[in-house]
N, C-alpha and C. Protein backbone atom coordinates (compact mmCIF):
# COMPACT_ATOMS: atom_id res chain seq x y z
N UNK A 1 131.98 -85.69 -8.09
CA UNK A 1 132.02 -87.04 -7.54
C UNK A 1 132.97 -87.90 -8.37
N UNK A 2 133.69 -88.74 -7.72
CA UNK A 2 134.63 -89.65 -8.37
C UNK A 2 133.87 -90.71 -9.16
N UNK A 3 134.30 -90.95 -10.38
CA UNK A 3 133.73 -92.04 -11.16
C UNK A 3 134.14 -93.35 -10.50
N UNK A 4 133.21 -94.24 -10.36
CA UNK A 4 133.51 -95.52 -9.72
C UNK A 4 134.28 -96.44 -10.66
N UNK A 5 133.92 -96.41 -11.94
CA UNK A 5 134.56 -97.25 -12.95
C UNK A 5 135.30 -96.36 -13.92
N UNK A 6 136.53 -96.72 -14.24
CA UNK A 6 137.36 -95.93 -15.14
C UNK A 6 136.71 -95.81 -16.52
N UNK A 7 136.35 -94.61 -16.90
CA UNK A 7 135.86 -94.32 -18.25
C UNK A 7 134.79 -95.30 -18.72
N UNK A 8 133.94 -95.74 -17.80
CA UNK A 8 132.91 -96.74 -18.12
C UNK A 8 131.59 -96.40 -17.40
N UNK A 9 130.99 -95.25 -17.75
CA UNK A 9 129.76 -94.84 -17.07
C UNK A 9 128.58 -95.78 -17.31
N UNK A 10 128.68 -96.63 -18.30
CA UNK A 10 127.60 -97.56 -18.61
C UNK A 10 127.28 -98.50 -17.45
N UNK A 11 128.28 -98.83 -16.64
CA UNK A 11 128.03 -99.76 -15.54
C UNK A 11 127.06 -99.12 -14.54
N UNK A 12 127.36 -97.90 -14.12
CA UNK A 12 126.48 -97.22 -13.18
C UNK A 12 125.11 -96.95 -13.79
N UNK A 13 125.07 -96.58 -15.07
CA UNK A 13 123.80 -96.30 -15.73
C UNK A 13 122.92 -97.55 -15.77
N UNK A 14 123.50 -98.68 -16.08
CA UNK A 14 122.70 -99.92 -16.10
C UNK A 14 122.23 -100.31 -14.70
N UNK A 15 123.11 -100.14 -13.71
CA UNK A 15 122.71 -100.46 -12.34
C UNK A 15 121.57 -99.54 -11.89
N UNK A 16 121.65 -98.26 -12.28
CA UNK A 16 120.61 -97.30 -11.90
C UNK A 16 119.27 -97.64 -12.53
N UNK A 17 119.27 -98.32 -13.67
CA UNK A 17 118.05 -98.66 -14.39
C UNK A 17 117.38 -99.92 -13.83
N UNK A 18 118.06 -100.61 -12.92
CA UNK A 18 117.52 -101.84 -12.33
C UNK A 18 117.05 -101.58 -10.90
N UNK A 19 116.15 -102.42 -10.40
CA UNK A 19 115.76 -102.27 -8.99
C UNK A 19 116.98 -102.48 -8.08
N UNK A 20 117.08 -101.66 -7.06
CA UNK A 20 118.20 -101.76 -6.14
C UNK A 20 117.99 -102.89 -5.14
N UNK A 21 119.07 -103.59 -4.85
CA UNK A 21 119.03 -104.64 -3.82
C UNK A 21 119.30 -104.05 -2.44
N UNK A 22 119.71 -102.77 -2.42
CA UNK A 22 120.12 -102.15 -1.17
C UNK A 22 121.63 -102.23 -0.95
N UNK A 23 122.31 -102.94 -1.83
CA UNK A 23 123.77 -103.08 -1.78
C UNK A 23 124.33 -102.57 -3.11
N UNK A 24 124.76 -101.32 -3.10
CA UNK A 24 125.21 -100.67 -4.34
C UNK A 24 126.35 -101.45 -4.99
N UNK A 25 127.31 -101.88 -4.20
CA UNK A 25 128.45 -102.61 -4.76
C UNK A 25 127.97 -103.89 -5.45
N UNK A 26 127.11 -104.64 -4.80
CA UNK A 26 126.60 -105.88 -5.38
C UNK A 26 125.82 -105.59 -6.67
N UNK A 27 125.03 -104.52 -6.66
CA UNK A 27 124.26 -104.16 -7.86
C UNK A 27 125.20 -103.82 -9.02
N UNK A 28 126.24 -103.05 -8.73
CA UNK A 28 127.20 -102.67 -9.78
C UNK A 28 127.94 -103.89 -10.32
N UNK A 29 128.38 -104.75 -9.42
CA UNK A 29 129.14 -105.92 -9.87
C UNK A 29 128.25 -106.92 -10.60
N UNK A 30 126.96 -106.96 -10.27
CA UNK A 30 126.03 -107.81 -11.02
C UNK A 30 125.95 -107.34 -12.46
N UNK A 31 125.96 -106.03 -12.67
CA UNK A 31 125.96 -105.48 -14.03
C UNK A 31 127.24 -105.90 -14.76
N UNK A 32 128.37 -105.80 -14.10
CA UNK A 32 129.65 -106.18 -14.72
C UNK A 32 129.62 -107.66 -15.09
N UNK A 33 129.17 -108.50 -14.18
CA UNK A 33 129.17 -109.94 -14.44
C UNK A 33 128.16 -110.33 -15.51
N UNK A 34 127.09 -109.54 -15.66
CA UNK A 34 126.09 -109.82 -16.68
C UNK A 34 126.49 -109.25 -18.05
N UNK A 35 127.49 -108.41 -18.08
CA UNK A 35 127.93 -107.77 -19.33
C UNK A 35 128.50 -108.83 -20.28
N UNK A 36 128.50 -108.49 -21.54
CA UNK A 36 129.09 -109.39 -22.54
C UNK A 36 130.60 -109.45 -22.35
N UNK A 37 131.20 -110.47 -22.91
CA UNK A 37 132.67 -110.61 -22.83
C UNK A 37 133.34 -109.37 -23.43
N UNK A 38 132.80 -108.85 -24.52
CA UNK A 38 133.38 -107.65 -25.15
C UNK A 38 133.28 -106.44 -24.23
N UNK A 39 132.14 -106.30 -23.55
CA UNK A 39 131.98 -105.18 -22.62
C UNK A 39 132.92 -105.32 -21.44
N UNK A 40 133.09 -106.53 -20.94
CA UNK A 40 134.01 -106.75 -19.83
C UNK A 40 135.44 -106.40 -20.25
N UNK A 41 135.83 -106.81 -21.44
CA UNK A 41 137.18 -106.46 -21.93
C UNK A 41 137.33 -104.95 -22.09
N UNK A 42 136.30 -104.29 -22.58
CA UNK A 42 136.36 -102.83 -22.72
C UNK A 42 136.52 -102.17 -21.34
N UNK A 43 135.82 -102.69 -20.34
CA UNK A 43 135.94 -102.18 -18.97
C UNK A 43 137.37 -102.36 -18.47
N UNK A 44 137.93 -103.53 -18.68
CA UNK A 44 139.32 -103.79 -18.26
C UNK A 44 140.27 -102.86 -18.99
N UNK A 45 140.08 -102.74 -20.29
CA UNK A 45 140.99 -101.91 -21.11
C UNK A 45 140.86 -100.42 -20.82
N UNK A 46 139.78 -100.01 -20.16
CA UNK A 46 139.61 -98.59 -19.80
C UNK A 46 140.52 -98.19 -18.65
N UNK A 47 141.12 -99.17 -18.00
CA UNK A 47 142.02 -98.88 -16.88
C UNK A 47 143.42 -98.53 -17.38
N UNK A 48 144.08 -97.60 -16.69
CA UNK A 48 145.44 -97.23 -17.09
C UNK A 48 146.45 -98.27 -16.62
N UNK A 49 147.57 -98.33 -17.33
CA UNK A 49 148.68 -99.16 -16.85
C UNK A 49 149.24 -98.53 -15.58
N UNK A 50 149.72 -99.35 -14.68
CA UNK A 50 150.32 -98.85 -13.45
C UNK A 50 151.68 -98.24 -13.77
N UNK A 51 151.89 -97.04 -13.26
CA UNK A 51 153.14 -96.30 -13.49
C UNK A 51 153.43 -96.19 -14.98
N UNK A 52 152.37 -96.06 -15.76
CA UNK A 52 152.51 -96.00 -17.21
C UNK A 52 152.48 -94.59 -17.76
N UNK A 53 152.27 -94.50 -19.06
CA UNK A 53 152.30 -93.22 -19.77
C UNK A 53 151.29 -92.23 -19.20
N UNK A 54 150.09 -92.70 -18.82
CA UNK A 54 149.08 -91.79 -18.30
C UNK A 54 149.54 -91.09 -17.02
N UNK A 55 150.37 -91.79 -16.23
CA UNK A 55 150.90 -91.17 -15.02
C UNK A 55 151.90 -90.08 -15.37
N UNK A 56 152.65 -90.29 -16.42
CA UNK A 56 153.67 -89.33 -16.83
C UNK A 56 153.05 -88.11 -17.48
N UNK A 57 152.08 -88.35 -18.39
CA UNK A 57 151.49 -87.21 -19.10
C UNK A 57 150.27 -86.63 -18.38
N UNK A 58 150.03 -87.13 -17.17
CA UNK A 58 149.00 -86.60 -16.27
C UNK A 58 147.58 -86.72 -16.82
N UNK A 59 147.30 -87.83 -17.52
CA UNK A 59 145.95 -88.06 -18.02
C UNK A 59 145.20 -89.09 -17.19
N UNK A 60 145.76 -89.49 -16.05
CA UNK A 60 145.05 -90.38 -15.14
C UNK A 60 143.84 -89.67 -14.56
N UNK A 61 142.79 -90.42 -14.27
CA UNK A 61 141.68 -89.81 -13.54
C UNK A 61 142.21 -89.43 -12.16
N UNK A 62 141.50 -88.51 -11.52
CA UNK A 62 141.92 -88.07 -10.19
C UNK A 62 141.99 -89.25 -9.22
N UNK A 63 141.02 -90.15 -9.29
CA UNK A 63 141.00 -91.31 -8.40
C UNK A 63 142.18 -92.22 -8.67
N UNK A 64 142.48 -92.49 -9.94
CA UNK A 64 143.60 -93.37 -10.27
C UNK A 64 144.93 -92.76 -9.83
N UNK A 65 145.08 -91.46 -10.04
CA UNK A 65 146.32 -90.80 -9.64
C UNK A 65 146.53 -90.93 -8.13
N UNK A 66 145.46 -90.69 -7.35
CA UNK A 66 145.57 -90.79 -5.90
C UNK A 66 145.85 -92.23 -5.48
N UNK A 67 145.20 -93.19 -6.12
CA UNK A 67 145.40 -94.59 -5.76
C UNK A 67 146.82 -95.05 -6.09
N UNK A 68 147.32 -94.66 -7.26
CA UNK A 68 148.69 -95.05 -7.61
C UNK A 68 149.69 -94.38 -6.67
N UNK A 69 149.43 -93.15 -6.30
CA UNK A 69 150.32 -92.45 -5.36
C UNK A 69 150.32 -93.15 -4.00
N UNK A 70 149.16 -93.68 -3.59
CA UNK A 70 149.07 -94.34 -2.28
C UNK A 70 149.98 -95.56 -2.20
N UNK A 71 150.30 -96.15 -3.34
CA UNK A 71 151.20 -97.31 -3.38
C UNK A 71 152.63 -96.91 -3.72
N UNK A 72 152.88 -95.61 -3.82
CA UNK A 72 154.22 -95.13 -4.11
C UNK A 72 154.59 -95.18 -5.58
N UNK A 73 153.61 -95.36 -6.45
CA UNK A 73 153.92 -95.48 -7.88
C UNK A 73 154.25 -94.14 -8.53
N UNK A 74 154.06 -93.07 -7.79
CA UNK A 74 154.44 -91.75 -8.29
C UNK A 74 155.86 -91.38 -7.85
N UNK A 75 156.53 -92.30 -7.16
CA UNK A 75 157.87 -92.04 -6.65
C UNK A 75 158.79 -93.22 -6.95
N UNK A 76 158.82 -93.65 -8.19
CA UNK A 76 159.63 -94.80 -8.58
C UNK A 76 161.05 -94.37 -8.91
N UNK A 77 161.99 -95.24 -8.58
CA UNK A 77 163.36 -95.03 -9.06
C UNK A 77 163.39 -95.37 -10.55
N UNK A 78 164.48 -95.03 -11.20
CA UNK A 78 164.61 -95.35 -12.62
C UNK A 78 164.53 -96.86 -12.84
N UNK A 79 165.16 -97.64 -11.96
CA UNK A 79 165.11 -99.10 -12.08
C UNK A 79 163.70 -99.63 -11.88
N UNK A 80 162.99 -99.11 -10.89
CA UNK A 80 161.62 -99.55 -10.65
C UNK A 80 160.72 -99.20 -11.83
N UNK A 81 160.90 -97.99 -12.36
CA UNK A 81 160.10 -97.57 -13.51
C UNK A 81 160.36 -98.51 -14.69
N UNK A 82 161.62 -98.83 -14.93
CA UNK A 82 161.96 -99.73 -16.04
C UNK A 82 161.34 -101.11 -15.84
N UNK A 83 161.33 -101.59 -14.60
CA UNK A 83 160.74 -102.90 -14.31
C UNK A 83 159.23 -102.87 -14.52
N UNK A 84 158.56 -101.82 -14.04
CA UNK A 84 157.12 -101.69 -14.28
C UNK A 84 156.83 -101.64 -15.78
N UNK A 85 157.62 -100.84 -16.50
CA UNK A 85 157.41 -100.70 -17.94
C UNK A 85 157.55 -102.05 -18.64
N UNK A 86 158.58 -102.82 -18.30
CA UNK A 86 158.81 -104.12 -18.94
C UNK A 86 157.69 -105.11 -18.59
N UNK A 87 157.28 -105.13 -17.32
CA UNK A 87 156.21 -106.04 -16.92
C UNK A 87 154.87 -105.63 -17.53
N UNK A 88 154.59 -104.33 -17.59
CA UNK A 88 153.37 -103.87 -18.24
C UNK A 88 153.34 -104.32 -19.70
N UNK A 89 154.46 -104.16 -20.39
CA UNK A 89 154.53 -104.53 -21.81
C UNK A 89 154.35 -106.04 -21.98
N UNK A 90 155.00 -106.83 -21.14
CA UNK A 90 154.88 -108.29 -21.23
C UNK A 90 153.45 -108.73 -20.94
N UNK A 91 152.84 -108.11 -19.95
CA UNK A 91 151.47 -108.47 -19.58
C UNK A 91 150.50 -108.12 -20.70
N UNK A 92 150.62 -106.90 -21.23
CA UNK A 92 149.72 -106.46 -22.31
C UNK A 92 149.93 -107.33 -23.55
N UNK A 93 151.15 -107.68 -23.84
CA UNK A 93 151.45 -108.55 -25.00
C UNK A 93 150.79 -109.92 -24.81
N UNK A 94 150.87 -110.46 -23.61
CA UNK A 94 150.34 -111.81 -23.35
C UNK A 94 148.82 -111.84 -23.31
N UNK A 95 148.21 -110.83 -22.68
CA UNK A 95 146.77 -110.89 -22.43
C UNK A 95 145.92 -109.92 -23.26
N UNK A 96 146.52 -108.86 -23.79
CA UNK A 96 145.77 -107.92 -24.61
C UNK A 96 145.02 -106.86 -23.81
N UNK A 97 145.39 -106.69 -22.55
CA UNK A 97 144.79 -105.66 -21.71
C UNK A 97 145.77 -105.34 -20.58
N UNK A 98 145.56 -104.21 -19.89
CA UNK A 98 146.50 -103.82 -18.83
C UNK A 98 146.35 -104.67 -17.58
N UNK A 99 147.43 -104.79 -16.84
CA UNK A 99 147.43 -105.44 -15.54
C UNK A 99 146.62 -104.58 -14.57
N UNK A 100 145.70 -105.21 -13.86
CA UNK A 100 144.87 -104.48 -12.90
C UNK A 100 145.00 -105.13 -11.54
N UNK A 101 145.26 -104.28 -10.55
CA UNK A 101 145.30 -104.71 -9.16
C UNK A 101 144.83 -103.53 -8.33
N UNK A 102 144.17 -103.82 -7.23
CA UNK A 102 143.73 -102.75 -6.32
C UNK A 102 144.96 -102.29 -5.55
N UNK A 103 145.60 -101.24 -6.04
CA UNK A 103 146.87 -100.79 -5.48
C UNK A 103 146.75 -100.31 -4.04
N UNK A 104 145.56 -99.92 -3.63
CA UNK A 104 145.39 -99.45 -2.25
C UNK A 104 145.51 -100.59 -1.24
N UNK A 105 145.47 -101.82 -1.71
CA UNK A 105 145.57 -102.97 -0.81
C UNK A 105 146.95 -103.61 -0.83
N UNK A 106 147.93 -102.95 -1.46
CA UNK A 106 149.27 -103.51 -1.53
C UNK A 106 150.30 -102.38 -1.63
N UNK A 107 151.51 -102.72 -1.99
CA UNK A 107 152.58 -101.73 -2.16
C UNK A 107 153.36 -102.07 -3.42
N UNK A 108 154.41 -101.29 -3.70
CA UNK A 108 155.19 -101.50 -4.93
C UNK A 108 155.69 -102.92 -5.05
N UNK A 109 156.28 -103.44 -3.99
CA UNK A 109 156.83 -104.80 -4.04
C UNK A 109 155.73 -105.83 -4.30
N UNK A 110 154.60 -105.65 -3.64
CA UNK A 110 153.49 -106.57 -3.83
C UNK A 110 152.92 -106.52 -5.23
N UNK A 111 152.87 -105.32 -5.79
CA UNK A 111 152.37 -105.16 -7.16
C UNK A 111 153.31 -105.84 -8.14
N UNK A 112 154.60 -105.60 -7.99
CA UNK A 112 155.57 -106.22 -8.90
C UNK A 112 155.54 -107.75 -8.79
N UNK A 113 155.44 -108.26 -7.58
CA UNK A 113 155.37 -109.71 -7.38
C UNK A 113 154.11 -110.28 -8.04
N UNK A 114 152.99 -109.57 -7.89
CA UNK A 114 151.74 -110.02 -8.50
C UNK A 114 151.83 -109.98 -10.02
N UNK A 115 152.46 -108.94 -10.56
CA UNK A 115 152.61 -108.85 -12.01
C UNK A 115 153.39 -110.05 -12.54
N UNK A 116 154.49 -110.37 -11.87
CA UNK A 116 155.31 -111.49 -12.31
C UNK A 116 154.54 -112.81 -12.19
N UNK A 117 153.87 -113.03 -11.08
CA UNK A 117 153.14 -114.28 -10.86
C UNK A 117 151.98 -114.43 -11.83
N UNK A 118 151.26 -113.35 -12.06
CA UNK A 118 150.07 -113.44 -12.89
C UNK A 118 150.39 -113.59 -14.37
N UNK A 119 151.61 -113.30 -14.78
CA UNK A 119 152.01 -113.54 -16.18
C UNK A 119 151.91 -115.02 -16.54
N UNK A 120 151.95 -115.91 -15.55
CA UNK A 120 151.89 -117.35 -15.80
C UNK A 120 150.44 -117.87 -15.89
N UNK A 121 149.47 -117.02 -15.63
CA UNK A 121 148.07 -117.44 -15.62
C UNK A 121 147.50 -117.55 -17.04
N UNK A 122 146.33 -118.15 -17.15
CA UNK A 122 145.63 -118.19 -18.43
C UNK A 122 144.91 -116.86 -18.64
N UNK A 123 144.55 -116.58 -19.87
CA UNK A 123 143.83 -115.35 -20.18
C UNK A 123 142.49 -115.32 -19.45
N UNK A 124 141.79 -116.45 -19.42
CA UNK A 124 140.49 -116.51 -18.74
C UNK A 124 140.64 -116.21 -17.25
N UNK A 125 141.68 -116.76 -16.63
CA UNK A 125 141.92 -116.49 -15.22
C UNK A 125 142.22 -115.02 -15.01
N UNK A 126 142.99 -114.43 -15.90
CA UNK A 126 143.34 -113.01 -15.75
C UNK A 126 142.14 -112.10 -15.97
N UNK A 127 141.24 -112.46 -16.87
CA UNK A 127 140.03 -111.66 -17.04
C UNK A 127 139.22 -111.70 -15.74
N UNK A 128 139.05 -112.88 -15.18
CA UNK A 128 138.31 -113.00 -13.92
C UNK A 128 139.01 -112.25 -12.79
N UNK A 129 140.34 -112.34 -12.74
CA UNK A 129 141.09 -111.64 -11.70
C UNK A 129 140.97 -110.13 -11.88
N UNK A 130 141.06 -109.65 -13.10
CA UNK A 130 140.93 -108.21 -13.36
C UNK A 130 139.55 -107.71 -12.93
N UNK A 131 138.49 -108.47 -13.25
CA UNK A 131 137.14 -108.08 -12.84
C UNK A 131 137.04 -108.05 -11.31
N UNK A 132 137.61 -109.04 -10.65
CA UNK A 132 137.59 -109.07 -9.18
C UNK A 132 138.35 -107.88 -8.61
N UNK A 133 139.49 -107.53 -9.20
CA UNK A 133 140.27 -106.39 -8.72
C UNK A 133 139.53 -105.09 -8.96
N UNK A 134 138.84 -104.98 -10.10
CA UNK A 134 138.01 -103.79 -10.35
C UNK A 134 136.94 -103.70 -9.28
N UNK A 135 136.37 -104.83 -8.90
CA UNK A 135 135.38 -104.85 -7.83
C UNK A 135 135.94 -104.31 -6.52
N UNK A 136 137.18 -104.66 -6.20
CA UNK A 136 137.81 -104.14 -4.98
C UNK A 136 138.05 -102.63 -5.09
N UNK A 137 138.49 -102.18 -6.25
CA UNK A 137 138.70 -100.74 -6.47
C UNK A 137 137.39 -99.99 -6.25
N UNK A 138 136.32 -100.50 -6.86
CA UNK A 138 135.01 -99.85 -6.75
C UNK A 138 134.51 -99.89 -5.30
N UNK A 139 134.70 -100.99 -4.62
CA UNK A 139 134.28 -101.09 -3.21
C UNK A 139 134.93 -99.99 -2.38
N UNK A 140 136.25 -99.79 -2.56
CA UNK A 140 136.95 -98.76 -1.81
C UNK A 140 136.50 -97.35 -2.22
N UNK A 141 136.24 -97.16 -3.51
CA UNK A 141 135.75 -95.84 -3.96
C UNK A 141 134.37 -95.56 -3.38
N UNK A 142 133.52 -96.58 -3.30
CA UNK A 142 132.21 -96.40 -2.67
C UNK A 142 132.35 -96.04 -1.19
N UNK A 143 133.26 -96.71 -0.50
CA UNK A 143 133.50 -96.40 0.91
C UNK A 143 133.98 -94.96 1.08
N UNK A 144 134.84 -94.51 0.17
CA UNK A 144 135.35 -93.14 0.23
C UNK A 144 134.23 -92.13 0.04
N UNK A 145 133.24 -92.48 -0.76
CA UNK A 145 132.14 -91.56 -1.08
C UNK A 145 131.13 -91.42 0.07
N UNK A 146 131.21 -92.32 1.03
CA UNK A 146 130.26 -92.26 2.16
C UNK A 146 130.61 -91.17 3.12
């Protein structure tokens, strides 16, 4: 079974220990929102950079590899790769964690535009945005598991 959260089994374990509301996604996201700021940052940091080193050295999870491929991130030109690399570095330098977006809901151009636009946001806004995007990723993974 595909892990719903990247390298963060604690989210599912905590949700499993609580009474179910009947809405698995809501239960999981309640755990994320109730987590400490440090735990939320660890969850965000567990995600790979888009078109980053993990894609090259093939250490992406199976779900992440498929999701990045769905947006064409496995077929970048040299110029596109360089642009992703530069934006990933600028984003990580500014915020201290990788850029996260639900790639299945956009394409290469949309991802690049979002990376550029979100560089102007505050760190607090980006943490909230990353958590929301993780929620979208998990929602789609749950739908796939049905």
